[in-house]
């Protein structure tokens, strides 16, 4: 995720780049997307880091429902 850049709004209204490690950037991006899912994507947020059960032993980064109550899975991955 070295090409990913995150920004925050400074008190004076300027956009300031958020610097950090890949993990920190992924977590920050996930939290921001989850906080704005309804407004940005029309998806109702349900869960973060949702376990997939004992068979798969994985997790879904972000789980939500669209306007038709269809599950939406969002995965944040680092593909180098």
N, C-alpha and C. Protein backbone atom coordinates (compact mmCIF):
# COMPACT_ATOMS: atom_id res chain seq x y z
N UNK A 1 0.82 -1.19 0.00
CA UNK A 1 0.00 0.00 0.00
C UNK A 1 0.86 1.25 0.00
N UNK A 2 2.03 1.17 -0.54
CA UNK A 2 2.91 2.33 -0.53
C UNK A 2 2.38 3.45 -1.41
N UNK A 3 1.54 3.15 -2.39
CA UNK A 3 0.98 4.19 -3.24
C UNK A 3 -0.24 4.86 -2.63
N UNK A 4 -0.76 4.29 -1.55
CA UNK A 4 -1.95 4.82 -0.90
C UNK A 4 -1.57 6.03 -0.07
N UNK A 5 -2.32 7.10 -0.24
CA UNK A 5 -2.10 8.28 0.58
C UNK A 5 -3.42 8.65 1.23
N UNK A 6 -3.35 8.91 2.52
CA UNK A 6 -4.51 9.36 3.28
C UNK A 6 -4.29 10.79 3.70
N UNK A 7 -5.37 11.53 3.78
CA UNK A 7 -5.30 12.92 4.18
C UNK A 7 -6.30 13.19 5.28
N UNK A 8 -5.98 14.16 6.11
CA UNK A 8 -6.92 14.63 7.12
C UNK A 8 -7.10 16.13 6.91
N UNK A 9 -8.20 16.64 7.40
CA UNK A 9 -8.48 18.06 7.26
C UNK A 9 -7.90 18.77 8.47
N UNK A 10 -6.98 19.70 8.24
CA UNK A 10 -6.37 20.48 9.32
C UNK A 10 -7.36 21.53 9.81
N UNK A 11 -7.07 22.10 10.97
CA UNK A 11 -7.95 23.11 11.56
C UNK A 11 -8.15 24.31 10.64
N UNK A 12 -7.13 24.62 9.83
CA UNK A 12 -7.24 25.77 8.93
C UNK A 12 -7.88 25.41 7.58
N UNK A 13 -8.36 24.15 7.45
CA UNK A 13 -9.05 23.74 6.23
C UNK A 13 -8.17 23.08 5.18
N UNK A 14 -6.85 23.07 5.41
CA UNK A 14 -5.95 22.42 4.46
C UNK A 14 -6.00 20.91 4.62
N UNK A 15 -5.71 20.18 3.53
CA UNK A 15 -5.57 18.73 3.58
C UNK A 15 -4.12 18.42 3.91
N UNK A 16 -3.91 17.60 4.93
CA UNK A 16 -2.58 17.23 5.38
C UNK A 16 -2.43 15.72 5.26
N UNK A 17 -1.34 15.28 4.63
CA UNK A 17 -1.12 13.84 4.45
C UNK A 17 -0.89 13.16 5.79
N UNK A 18 -1.55 12.01 5.99
CA UNK A 18 -1.36 11.20 7.18
C UNK A 18 -0.27 10.20 6.87
N UNK A 19 0.82 10.26 7.62
CA UNK A 19 1.94 9.35 7.38
C UNK A 19 1.91 8.24 8.41
N UNK A 20 2.42 7.06 8.03
CA UNK A 20 2.47 5.94 8.96
C UNK A 20 2.85 4.67 8.26
N UNK A 21 2.85 3.58 9.00
CA UNK A 21 3.20 2.29 8.43
C UNK A 21 2.05 1.76 7.59
N UNK A 22 2.32 0.71 6.80
CA UNK A 22 1.28 0.11 5.96
C UNK A 22 0.11 -0.36 6.81
N UNK A 23 0.39 -1.02 7.92
CA UNK A 23 -0.69 -1.51 8.79
C UNK A 23 -1.50 -0.34 9.33
N UNK A 24 -0.82 0.69 9.79
CA UNK A 24 -1.53 1.85 10.33
C UNK A 24 -2.39 2.49 9.25
N UNK A 25 -1.88 2.58 8.02
CA UNK A 25 -2.66 3.17 6.94
C UNK A 25 -3.87 2.32 6.60
N UNK A 26 -3.70 1.01 6.58
CA UNK A 26 -4.83 0.13 6.27
C UNK A 26 -5.92 0.26 7.32
N UNK A 27 -5.52 0.28 8.58
CA UNK A 27 -6.50 0.41 9.67
C UNK A 27 -7.19 1.76 9.59
N UNK A 28 -6.44 2.81 9.36
CA UNK A 28 -7.03 4.15 9.25
C UNK A 28 -8.00 4.21 8.08
N UNK A 29 -7.62 3.66 6.94
CA UNK A 29 -8.51 3.65 5.78
C UNK A 29 -9.78 2.87 6.08
N UNK A 30 -9.64 1.70 6.71
CA UNK A 30 -10.80 0.88 7.04
C UNK A 30 -11.75 1.65 7.96
N UNK A 31 -11.24 2.29 8.98
CA UNK A 31 -12.08 3.04 9.92
C UNK A 31 -12.79 4.19 9.22
N UNK A 32 -12.10 4.88 8.33
CA UNK A 32 -12.72 6.00 7.62
C UNK A 32 -13.82 5.53 6.68
N UNK A 33 -13.56 4.44 5.97
CA UNK A 33 -14.58 3.89 5.06
C UNK A 33 -15.78 3.43 5.86
N UNK A 34 -15.55 2.73 6.97
CA UNK A 34 -16.66 2.26 7.79
C UNK A 34 -17.49 3.41 8.33
N UNK A 35 -16.83 4.48 8.73
CA UNK A 35 -17.55 5.63 9.29
C UNK A 35 -18.41 6.33 8.24
N UNK A 36 -18.01 6.26 6.97
CA UNK A 36 -18.74 6.97 5.93
C UNK A 36 -19.44 6.08 4.92
N UNK A 37 -19.62 4.80 5.24
CA UNK A 37 -20.20 3.86 4.27
C UNK A 37 -21.58 4.28 3.80
N UNK A 38 -22.43 4.69 4.71
CA UNK A 38 -23.80 5.05 4.34
C UNK A 38 -23.80 6.25 3.40
N UNK A 39 -23.05 7.26 3.73
CA UNK A 39 -23.01 8.47 2.92
C UNK A 39 -22.28 8.26 1.60
N UNK A 40 -21.12 7.60 1.63
CA UNK A 40 -20.30 7.43 0.43
C UNK A 40 -20.82 6.34 -0.51
N UNK A 41 -21.28 5.22 0.07
CA UNK A 41 -21.59 4.04 -0.74
C UNK A 41 -23.04 3.59 -0.66
N UNK A 42 -23.81 4.17 0.24
CA UNK A 42 -25.19 3.72 0.42
C UNK A 42 -25.27 2.36 1.08
N UNK A 43 -24.27 2.02 1.89
CA UNK A 43 -24.21 0.72 2.55
C UNK A 43 -24.30 0.94 4.06
N UNK A 44 -25.19 0.20 4.70
CA UNK A 44 -25.34 0.27 6.15
C UNK A 44 -24.28 -0.61 6.80
N UNK A 45 -23.44 -0.02 7.63
CA UNK A 45 -22.36 -0.74 8.31
C UNK A 45 -22.93 -1.71 9.33
N UNK A 46 -22.42 -2.95 9.33
CA UNK A 46 -22.84 -3.96 10.31
C UNK A 46 -21.72 -4.36 11.26
N UNK A 47 -20.55 -4.71 10.71
CA UNK A 47 -19.49 -5.24 11.56
C UNK A 47 -18.11 -5.01 10.96
N UNK A 48 -17.14 -4.95 11.84
CA UNK A 48 -15.74 -4.85 11.45
C UNK A 48 -15.03 -6.09 11.97
N UNK A 49 -14.14 -6.67 11.15
CA UNK A 49 -13.38 -7.87 11.53
C UNK A 49 -14.33 -9.01 11.92
N UNK A 50 -15.35 -9.24 11.12
CA UNK A 50 -16.36 -10.26 11.39
C UNK A 50 -15.79 -11.66 11.12
N UNK A 51 -15.84 -12.58 12.11
CA UNK A 51 -15.30 -13.93 11.91
C UNK A 51 -16.15 -14.74 10.94
N UNK A 52 -15.50 -15.57 10.12
CA UNK A 52 -16.21 -16.39 9.14
C UNK A 52 -16.55 -17.77 9.67
N UNK A 53 -16.18 -18.08 10.89
CA UNK A 53 -16.56 -19.35 11.51
C UNK A 53 -15.41 -20.34 11.59
N UNK A 54 -15.65 -21.47 12.26
CA UNK A 54 -14.57 -22.44 12.50
C UNK A 54 -14.11 -23.18 11.26
N UNK A 55 -14.95 -23.27 10.25
CA UNK A 55 -14.55 -24.00 9.04
C UNK A 55 -13.51 -23.21 8.24
N UNK A 56 -13.80 -21.95 7.98
CA UNK A 56 -12.88 -21.12 7.18
C UNK A 56 -11.82 -20.45 8.04
N UNK A 57 -12.14 -20.19 9.28
CA UNK A 57 -11.22 -19.56 10.23
C UNK A 57 -10.62 -18.26 9.72
N UNK A 58 -11.44 -17.47 9.07
CA UNK A 58 -10.98 -16.19 8.56
C UNK A 58 -11.78 -15.06 9.15
N UNK A 59 -11.71 -13.93 8.48
CA UNK A 59 -12.48 -12.78 8.92
C UNK A 59 -12.82 -11.91 7.72
N UNK A 60 -13.90 -11.20 7.83
CA UNK A 60 -14.31 -10.22 6.82
C UNK A 60 -13.94 -8.87 7.38
N UNK A 61 -13.16 -8.10 6.64
CA UNK A 61 -12.72 -6.79 7.16
C UNK A 61 -13.91 -5.92 7.53
N UNK A 62 -14.82 -5.71 6.59
CA UNK A 62 -15.99 -4.87 6.83
C UNK A 62 -17.21 -5.52 6.21
N UNK A 63 -18.28 -5.57 6.97
CA UNK A 63 -19.52 -6.18 6.53
C UNK A 63 -20.64 -5.14 6.61
N UNK A 64 -21.46 -5.08 5.56
CA UNK A 64 -22.57 -4.15 5.55
C UNK A 64 -23.73 -4.70 4.74
N UNK A 65 -24.80 -3.91 4.65
CA UNK A 65 -25.97 -4.26 3.85
C UNK A 65 -26.27 -3.11 2.90
N UNK A 66 -26.61 -3.45 1.64
CA UNK A 66 -26.98 -2.40 0.69
C UNK A 66 -28.45 -2.05 0.84
N UNK A 67 -28.97 -1.21 -0.06
CA UNK A 67 -30.35 -0.73 0.04
C UNK A 67 -31.38 -1.84 -0.12
N UNK A 68 -30.98 -2.99 -0.66
CA UNK A 68 -31.87 -4.14 -0.81
C UNK A 68 -31.62 -5.20 0.26
N UNK A 69 -30.88 -4.83 1.29
CA UNK A 69 -30.50 -5.75 2.38
C UNK A 69 -29.66 -6.93 1.90
N UNK A 70 -28.89 -6.71 0.84
CA UNK A 70 -27.96 -7.72 0.33
C UNK A 70 -26.61 -7.50 1.02
N UNK A 71 -25.99 -8.56 1.55
CA UNK A 71 -24.70 -8.39 2.21
C UNK A 71 -23.63 -7.83 1.27
N UNK A 72 -22.82 -6.94 1.81
CA UNK A 72 -21.70 -6.35 1.08
C UNK A 72 -20.45 -6.59 1.91
N UNK A 73 -19.44 -7.20 1.29
CA UNK A 73 -18.17 -7.46 1.95
C UNK A 73 -17.12 -6.52 1.39
N UNK A 74 -16.38 -5.88 2.28
CA UNK A 74 -15.29 -5.01 1.86
C UNK A 74 -14.01 -5.57 2.47
N UNK A 75 -13.05 -5.87 1.60
CA UNK A 75 -11.76 -6.39 2.05
C UNK A 75 -10.67 -5.37 1.75
N UNK A 76 -9.84 -5.09 2.71
CA UNK A 76 -8.72 -4.18 2.55
C UNK A 76 -7.47 -5.04 2.49
N UNK A 77 -6.82 -5.07 1.32
CA UNK A 77 -5.65 -5.92 1.15
C UNK A 77 -4.48 -5.12 0.62
N UNK A 78 -3.32 -5.65 0.86
CA UNK A 78 -2.08 -5.06 0.38
C UNK A 78 -1.53 -5.99 -0.69
N UNK A 79 -1.68 -5.62 -1.94
CA UNK A 79 -1.20 -6.44 -3.06
C UNK A 79 0.01 -5.76 -3.66
N UNK A 80 1.16 -6.27 -3.36
CA UNK A 80 2.39 -5.64 -3.87
C UNK A 80 2.84 -6.32 -5.12
